[in-house]
Amino acid sequence: MLEGLPPNGASHMMRVDAPEPEARAIAEFLGETFDPAEVATSAFEIEDRAEGSGWAVEVYFGEPPDEDEVRELVALVSPAAAAAAVFSTLEKKDWVSASLEGLAPVRIGRFVVHGAHDRDSVGPSAIGIEIEAALAFGTGHHGTTQGCLAAIDSIGKRSRPARTLDVGTGTGVLAMAAARLFHRPVLASDIDKVAVTTARANARANKAAPEIRFLHAPGLGAGPFRAGAPFDLILANILLAPLKGLAKPMRPLLAREGRVVLSGLLDSHANAALAAYRAQGLRLVRRRSIAGWTTLELAARVHRPKAPQARR
């Protein structure tokens, strides 16, 4: 369910097979319980099973987990799954190099997100964004990233934002998409230092570095956010809880007729996020749902003076 790779330095994993509703619920619950910078959850369909189809949950930990505590949490959703959960230790090489190996290019609008092995498949009219295995989230193969890229592409058909802010940039894929499409300044931030380092390297490899400033910062309180405002476009592909917390501090950074693109939201979470931003004076422009994940495109409400009525 979550985009990209396990947390930086992940060395432990829990896996359990479960029916789809339980698998999604377990991943969602654990994802909201633990710090996303330390724990990543994934729920996915198991392919090529001999008997029907099924789902699995994998949880990656940056530190050795308390197995009893994790089982107790899983049991709140499914006692059977808690009993069947298997914990294991793994090396970085087991998932870093394999994370993007064999993944097909992802085409969303004018964007093609691809690995080095598919570099030659990007057409001359497409905007290629090359992402290799790295210690950060954001490969383009998840519904949240695809929804954001579709929103950026759509916005680019109507306008050319002068300033873009990408909160929780991960691999920098959204920041690079904005920079490559708009050719205007982008500020990209992340709470994770390794993510910032990775995103900066990706931007250099994609010849987008001159237009992107990367910032290691939690939240939106650092000075560079205020100095770079107002932003015509703000992107945030994270999770429900931090998205709700960003609604109020984000609003003063948004330009008068700016747009906000939010993702990292299960379809069932979208209305909760929308309510938080509507309370800050934003309106819904478009809602996209891809593989059970919602992307919201919002705009600032602009109160224009009414035209004077003609005198009779």
Protein backbone atom coordinates (compact mmCIF):
# COMPACT_ATOMS: atom_id res chain seq x y z
CA MET A 1 0.00 0.00 0.00
CA LEU A 2 2.83 2.43 0.66
CA GLU A 3 5.10 3.69 -2.09
CA GLY A 4 8.75 2.82 -2.47
CA LEU A 5 11.27 1.17 -0.23
CA PRO A 6 11.58 0.22 3.43
CA PRO A 7 12.94 2.79 5.92
CA ASN A 8 16.59 3.79 5.80
CA GLY A 9 18.70 1.08 7.43
CA ALA A 10 15.79 -1.36 7.63
CA SER A 11 17.01 -4.73 8.86
CA HIS A 12 13.85 -6.43 10.14
CA MET A 13 10.57 -7.42 8.54
CA MET A 14 7.24 -8.93 9.52
CA ARG A 15 5.10 -10.75 6.96
CA VAL A 16 1.70 -12.35 7.15
CA ASP A 17 -0.78 -13.63 4.56
CA ALA A 18 -4.39 -12.51 4.99
CA PRO A 19 -7.55 -11.86 2.98
CA GLU A 20 -7.55 -8.50 1.19
CA PRO A 21 -9.77 -6.56 3.67
CA GLU A 22 -7.69 -7.74 6.63
CA ALA A 23 -4.38 -7.14 4.83
CA ARG A 24 -5.33 -3.58 3.94
CA ALA A 25 -6.62 -2.92 7.46
CA ILE A 26 -3.46 -4.30 9.12
CA ALA A 27 -1.14 -2.25 6.90
CA GLU A 28 -3.22 0.87 7.41
CA PHE A 29 -3.39 0.44 11.19
CA LEU A 30 0.32 -0.25 11.65
CA GLY A 31 1.20 2.56 9.25
CA GLU A 32 -0.72 5.02 11.42
CA THR A 33 0.62 3.57 14.68
CA PHE A 34 4.34 3.75 13.95
CA ASP A 35 6.57 6.63 12.83
CA PRO A 36 6.63 6.47 8.99
CA ALA A 37 10.30 7.49 9.06
CA GLU A 38 11.09 4.27 10.94
CA VAL A 39 8.45 1.79 9.77
CA ALA A 40 6.98 1.16 6.31
CA THR A 41 3.95 -1.01 5.64
CA SER A 42 2.91 -2.69 2.42
CA ALA A 43 -0.22 -4.66 1.51
CA PHE A 44 -0.26 -6.36 -1.88
CA GLU A 45 -1.86 -9.14 -3.85
CA ILE A 46 0.07 -12.39 -4.08
CA GLU A 47 0.50 -13.47 -7.68
CA ASP A 48 0.94 -16.92 -9.19
CA ARG A 49 -0.63 -18.76 -6.32
CA ALA A 50 -1.68 -22.33 -7.05
CA GLU A 51 -4.97 -21.98 -5.23
CA GLY A 52 -6.82 -18.79 -5.98
CA SER A 53 -5.56 -15.36 -5.04
CA GLY A 54 -4.60 -13.86 -1.73
CA TRP A 55 -2.95 -10.89 -0.09
CA ALA A 56 0.08 -10.35 2.11
CA VAL A 57 1.26 -7.67 4.50
CA GLU A 58 4.93 -6.78 4.88
CA VAL A 59 6.18 -4.38 7.54
CA TYR A 60 9.77 -3.10 7.47
CA PHE A 61 11.42 -1.83 10.66
CA GLY A 62 14.39 0.48 11.01
CA GLU A 63 15.16 -1.07 14.42
CA PRO A 64 14.50 -4.55 15.83
CA PRO A 65 10.80 -4.53 16.76
CA ASP A 66 9.16 -5.78 19.93
CA GLU A 67 7.55 -8.82 18.33
CA ASP A 68 5.01 -9.33 21.11
CA GLU A 69 3.90 -5.71 20.86
CA VAL A 70 3.54 -5.92 17.09
CA ARG A 71 1.53 -9.13 17.36
CA GLU A 72 -0.76 -7.48 19.90
CA LEU A 73 -1.36 -4.63 17.49
CA VAL A 74 -2.06 -6.99 14.60
CA ALA A 75 -4.44 -8.96 16.84
CA LEU A 76 -6.58 -5.85 17.25
CA VAL A 77 -7.38 -6.22 13.55
CA SER A 78 -7.10 -9.99 13.10
CA PRO A 79 -6.18 -12.49 15.86
CA ALA A 80 -5.58 -15.17 13.22
CA ALA A 81 -3.12 -12.99 11.35
CA ALA A 82 -1.29 -12.13 14.57
CA ALA A 83 -0.70 -15.81 15.27
CA ALA A 84 0.51 -16.43 11.70
CA ALA A 85 2.87 -13.42 11.50
CA VAL A 86 6.49 -14.29 10.72
CA PHE A 87 9.41 -12.04 11.69
CA SER A 88 12.73 -12.14 9.87
CA THR A 89 16.05 -10.32 9.56
CA LEU A 90 17.26 -9.08 6.19
CA GLU A 91 20.17 -7.29 4.64
CA LYS A 92 19.91 -4.03 2.71
CA LYS A 93 21.09 -5.78 -0.42
CA ASP A 94 18.00 -7.99 -0.30
CA TRP A 95 15.71 -5.07 -1.11
CA VAL A 96 17.66 -2.03 -2.25
CA SER A 97 19.02 -3.40 -5.53
CA ALA A 98 15.92 -5.50 -6.18
CA SER A 99 13.34 -2.82 -5.47
CA LEU A 100 13.20 -1.45 -9.01
CA GLU A 101 14.68 -4.37 -10.91
CA GLY A 102 12.41 -5.41 -13.73
CA LEU A 103 9.81 -2.71 -13.13
CA ALA A 104 8.27 -1.47 -16.34
CA PRO A 105 8.22 2.25 -17.15
CA VAL A 106 5.20 4.12 -15.80
CA ARG A 107 3.53 6.55 -18.20
CA ILE A 108 1.30 9.26 -16.78
CA GLY A 109 0.36 12.04 -19.15
CA ARG A 110 3.57 13.50 -20.50
CA PHE A 111 5.71 11.81 -17.83
CA VAL A 112 7.51 8.47 -18.05
CA VAL A 113 9.10 7.25 -14.82
CA HIS A 114 11.69 4.59 -15.60
CA GLY A 115 14.92 2.90 -14.60
CA ALA A 116 18.21 3.13 -16.45
CA HIS A 117 17.47 -0.10 -18.32
CA ASP A 118 14.45 1.58 -19.97
CA ARG A 119 16.13 4.89 -20.78
CA ASP A 120 15.93 4.28 -24.52
CA SER A 121 12.18 3.62 -24.40
CA VAL A 122 11.26 7.22 -23.53
CA GLY A 123 9.81 8.87 -26.60
CA PRO A 124 11.01 12.25 -27.87
CA SER A 125 7.80 14.00 -26.84
CA ALA A 126 7.74 12.53 -23.30
CA ILE A 127 9.37 13.86 -20.14
CA GLY A 128 11.51 11.04 -18.82
CA ILE A 129 12.24 10.83 -15.10
CA GLU A 130 14.86 8.24 -14.24
CA ILE A 131 14.69 6.72 -10.76
CA GLU A 132 16.96 3.93 -9.58
CA ALA A 133 16.97 1.87 -6.39
CA ALA A 134 17.54 4.22 -3.46
CA LEU A 135 16.86 4.62 0.23
CA ALA A 136 13.71 6.68 -0.09
CA PHE A 137 10.08 6.46 -1.10
CA GLY A 138 8.85 7.26 -4.60
CA THR A 139 9.27 5.01 -7.62
CA GLY A 140 6.23 6.08 -9.63
CA HIS A 141 4.68 2.61 -9.50
CA HIS A 142 2.18 3.44 -6.76
CA GLY A 143 -1.27 4.96 -7.13
CA THR A 144 -0.38 7.96 -4.96
CA THR A 145 2.58 9.01 -7.11
CA GLN A 146 0.66 8.34 -10.30
CA GLY A 147 -2.23 10.48 -9.08
CA CYS A 148 0.13 13.36 -8.25
CA LEU A 149 1.88 13.12 -11.62
CA ALA A 150 -1.49 13.15 -13.37
CA ALA A 151 -2.44 16.29 -11.42
CA ILE A 152 0.84 18.02 -12.29
CA ASP A 153 0.37 17.16 -15.95
CA SER A 154 -3.21 18.46 -15.90
CA ILE A 155 -2.26 21.69 -14.14
CA GLY A 156 0.53 22.21 -16.66
CA LYS A 157 -1.98 22.20 -19.50
CA ARG A 158 -3.71 25.26 -18.02
CA SER A 159 -0.95 27.23 -16.33
CA ARG A 160 2.75 27.42 -15.52
CA PRO A 161 3.20 27.78 -11.75
CA ALA A 162 5.95 30.26 -10.95
CA ARG A 163 6.87 28.57 -7.65
CA THR A 164 6.26 24.98 -6.56
CA LEU A 165 6.68 23.41 -3.12
CA ASP A 166 7.03 19.62 -2.73
CA VAL A 167 6.56 18.54 0.90
CA GLY A 168 7.91 15.09 1.74
CA THR A 169 9.79 14.81 -1.53
CA GLY A 170 11.15 11.25 -1.06
CA THR A 171 13.09 10.41 -4.23
CA GLY A 172 12.18 13.83 -5.62
CA VAL A 173 10.05 12.43 -8.43
CA LEU A 174 7.29 15.05 -8.06
CA ALA A 175 9.74 17.91 -7.67
CA MET A 176 11.56 16.79 -10.81
CA ALA A 177 8.29 16.46 -12.72
CA ALA A 178 7.35 20.03 -11.81
CA ALA A 179 10.82 21.36 -12.63
CA ARG A 180 11.00 19.54 -15.98
CA LEU A 181 7.49 20.60 -17.02
CA PHE A 182 7.32 24.17 -15.75
CA HIS A 183 11.01 25.20 -15.85
CA ARG A 184 10.41 27.33 -12.76
CA PRO A 185 11.85 27.18 -9.21
CA VAL A 186 10.87 24.27 -6.96
CA LEU A 187 11.49 23.93 -3.21
CA ALA A 188 11.51 20.28 -2.12
CA SER A 189 11.66 19.27 1.54
CA ASP A 190 11.79 16.06 3.54
CA ILE A 191 12.12 15.10 7.19
CA ASP A 192 14.60 12.37 6.21
CA LYS A 193 18.20 13.41 5.50
CA VAL A 194 18.86 10.34 3.35
CA ALA A 195 15.78 11.10 1.26
CA VAL A 196 17.05 14.64 0.66
CA THR A 197 20.47 13.31 -0.38
CA THR A 198 18.85 10.76 -2.68
CA ALA A 199 16.48 13.30 -4.22
CA ARG A 200 19.32 15.74 -4.85
CA ALA A 201 21.31 13.02 -6.65
CA ASN A 202 18.28 12.06 -8.71
CA ALA A 203 17.72 15.68 -9.69
CA ARG A 204 21.32 15.98 -10.88
CA ALA A 205 20.98 12.77 -12.91
CA ASN A 206 17.77 14.09 -14.50
CA LYS A 207 19.26 17.54 -15.24
CA ALA A 208 16.65 19.15 -12.98
CA ALA A 209 18.97 20.22 -10.15
CA PRO A 210 19.37 23.88 -11.21
CA GLU A 211 15.66 24.53 -10.67
CA ILE A 212 15.20 22.59 -7.42
CA ARG A 213 16.31 23.60 -3.95
CA PHE A 214 16.29 20.69 -1.49
CA LEU A 215 15.67 21.27 2.19
CA HIS A 216 15.94 18.94 5.18
CA ALA A 217 13.17 20.11 7.49
CA PRO A 218 10.18 18.76 9.41
CA GLY A 219 6.84 20.48 8.94
CA LEU A 220 6.60 23.91 7.32
CA GLY A 221 8.04 26.17 10.00
CA ALA A 222 11.54 26.70 8.61
CA GLY A 223 12.49 30.10 7.21
CA PRO A 224 13.02 28.96 3.59
CA PHE A 225 9.34 28.06 3.32
CA ARG A 226 8.27 31.60 4.20
CA ALA A 227 11.05 33.10 2.06
CA GLY A 228 9.94 31.10 -0.97
CA ALA A 229 6.24 31.85 -0.57
CA PRO A 230 3.76 32.40 -2.02
CA PHE A 231 3.71 29.09 -3.89
CA ASP A 232 1.44 28.67 -6.90
CA LEU A 233 1.52 24.88 -6.50
CA ILE A 234 2.04 22.83 -3.33
CA LEU A 235 2.49 19.04 -3.53
CA ALA A 236 2.27 16.72 -0.52
CA ASN A 237 2.29 12.95 -1.02
CA ILE A 238 2.56 11.66 2.54
CA LEU A 239 -0.04 10.22 4.97
CA LEU A 240 -3.36 11.33 6.44
CA ALA A 241 -2.14 12.37 9.90
CA PRO A 242 0.73 14.64 8.74
CA LEU A 243 -1.43 16.00 5.90
CA LYS A 244 -4.07 17.11 8.40
CA GLY A 245 -1.37 18.69 10.56
CA LEU A 246 0.01 20.64 7.60
CA ALA A 247 -3.33 22.16 6.55
CA LYS A 248 -3.14 25.25 8.77
CA PRO A 249 0.59 26.14 8.33
CA MET A 250 0.35 25.44 4.60
CA ARG A 251 -2.43 27.93 3.92
CA PRO A 252 -0.35 31.14 4.38
CA LEU A 253 2.26 29.76 1.97
CA LEU A 254 -0.24 29.34 -0.86
CA ALA A 255 -0.62 31.99 -3.55
CA ARG A 256 -3.96 33.77 -3.93
CA GLU A 257 -5.10 31.46 -6.74
CA GLY A 258 -2.73 28.60 -5.96
CA ARG A 259 -3.34 24.87 -6.21
CA VAL A 260 -2.65 22.10 -3.69
CA VAL A 261 -2.23 18.43 -4.59
CA LEU A 262 -2.56 15.95 -1.72
CA SER A 263 -2.01 12.20 -1.80
CA GLY A 264 -0.88 9.25 0.30
CA LEU A 265 -4.57 8.83 1.15
CA LEU A 266 -6.58 5.66 1.16
CA ASP A 267 -9.93 6.22 -0.50
CA SER A 268 -11.53 5.95 2.94
CA HIS A 269 -9.27 8.73 4.29
CA ALA A 270 -9.83 11.28 1.54
CA ASN A 271 -12.84 13.02 3.10
CA ALA A 272 -11.01 13.52 6.40
CA ALA A 273 -8.14 15.24 4.63
CA LEU A 274 -10.54 17.26 2.50
CA ALA A 275 -12.37 18.53 5.58
CA ALA A 276 -9.12 19.79 7.12
CA TYR A 277 -8.25 21.81 4.01
CA ARG A 278 -11.77 23.06 3.41
CA ALA A 279 -11.57 24.53 6.90
CA GLN A 280 -8.60 26.56 5.63
CA GLY A 281 -10.57 28.00 2.72
CA LEU A 282 -9.68 25.54 -0.02
CA ARG A 283 -12.14 23.95 -2.43
CA LEU A 284 -12.02 20.61 -4.21
CA VAL A 285 -11.18 20.83 -7.91
CA ARG A 286 -10.71 17.16 -8.75
CA ARG A 287 -10.50 13.81 -7.02
CA ARG A 288 -8.51 10.94 -8.59
CA SER A 289 -8.59 7.35 -7.32
CA ILE A 290 -5.97 4.84 -8.49
CA ALA A 291 -5.74 1.35 -7.02
CA GLY A 292 -7.54 2.33 -3.83
CA TRP A 293 -5.57 5.53 -3.24
CA THR A 294 -6.96 9.04 -3.64
CA THR A 295 -5.27 12.19 -4.89
CA LEU A 296 -7.00 15.49 -4.16
CA GLU A 297 -6.50 18.62 -6.23
CA LEU A 298 -7.57 21.72 -4.31
CA ALA A 299 -7.66 25.44 -5.06
CA ALA A 300 -7.80 28.54 -2.92
CA ARG A 301 -11.19 30.16 -2.76
CA VAL A 302 -10.98 33.60 -4.28
CA HIS A 303 -13.68 36.07 -3.37
CA ARG A 304 -13.99 38.42 -6.28
CA PRO A 305 -16.07 41.61 -5.98
CA LYS A 306 -19.46 41.39 -7.56
CA ALA A 307 -19.96 43.27 -10.79
CA PRO A 308 -22.02 46.45 -10.27
CA GLN A 309 -25.63 46.12 -11.32
CA ALA A 310 -26.83 48.32 -14.12
CA ARG A 311 -29.07 51.15 -13.02
CA ARG A 312 -32.60 51.16 -14.28
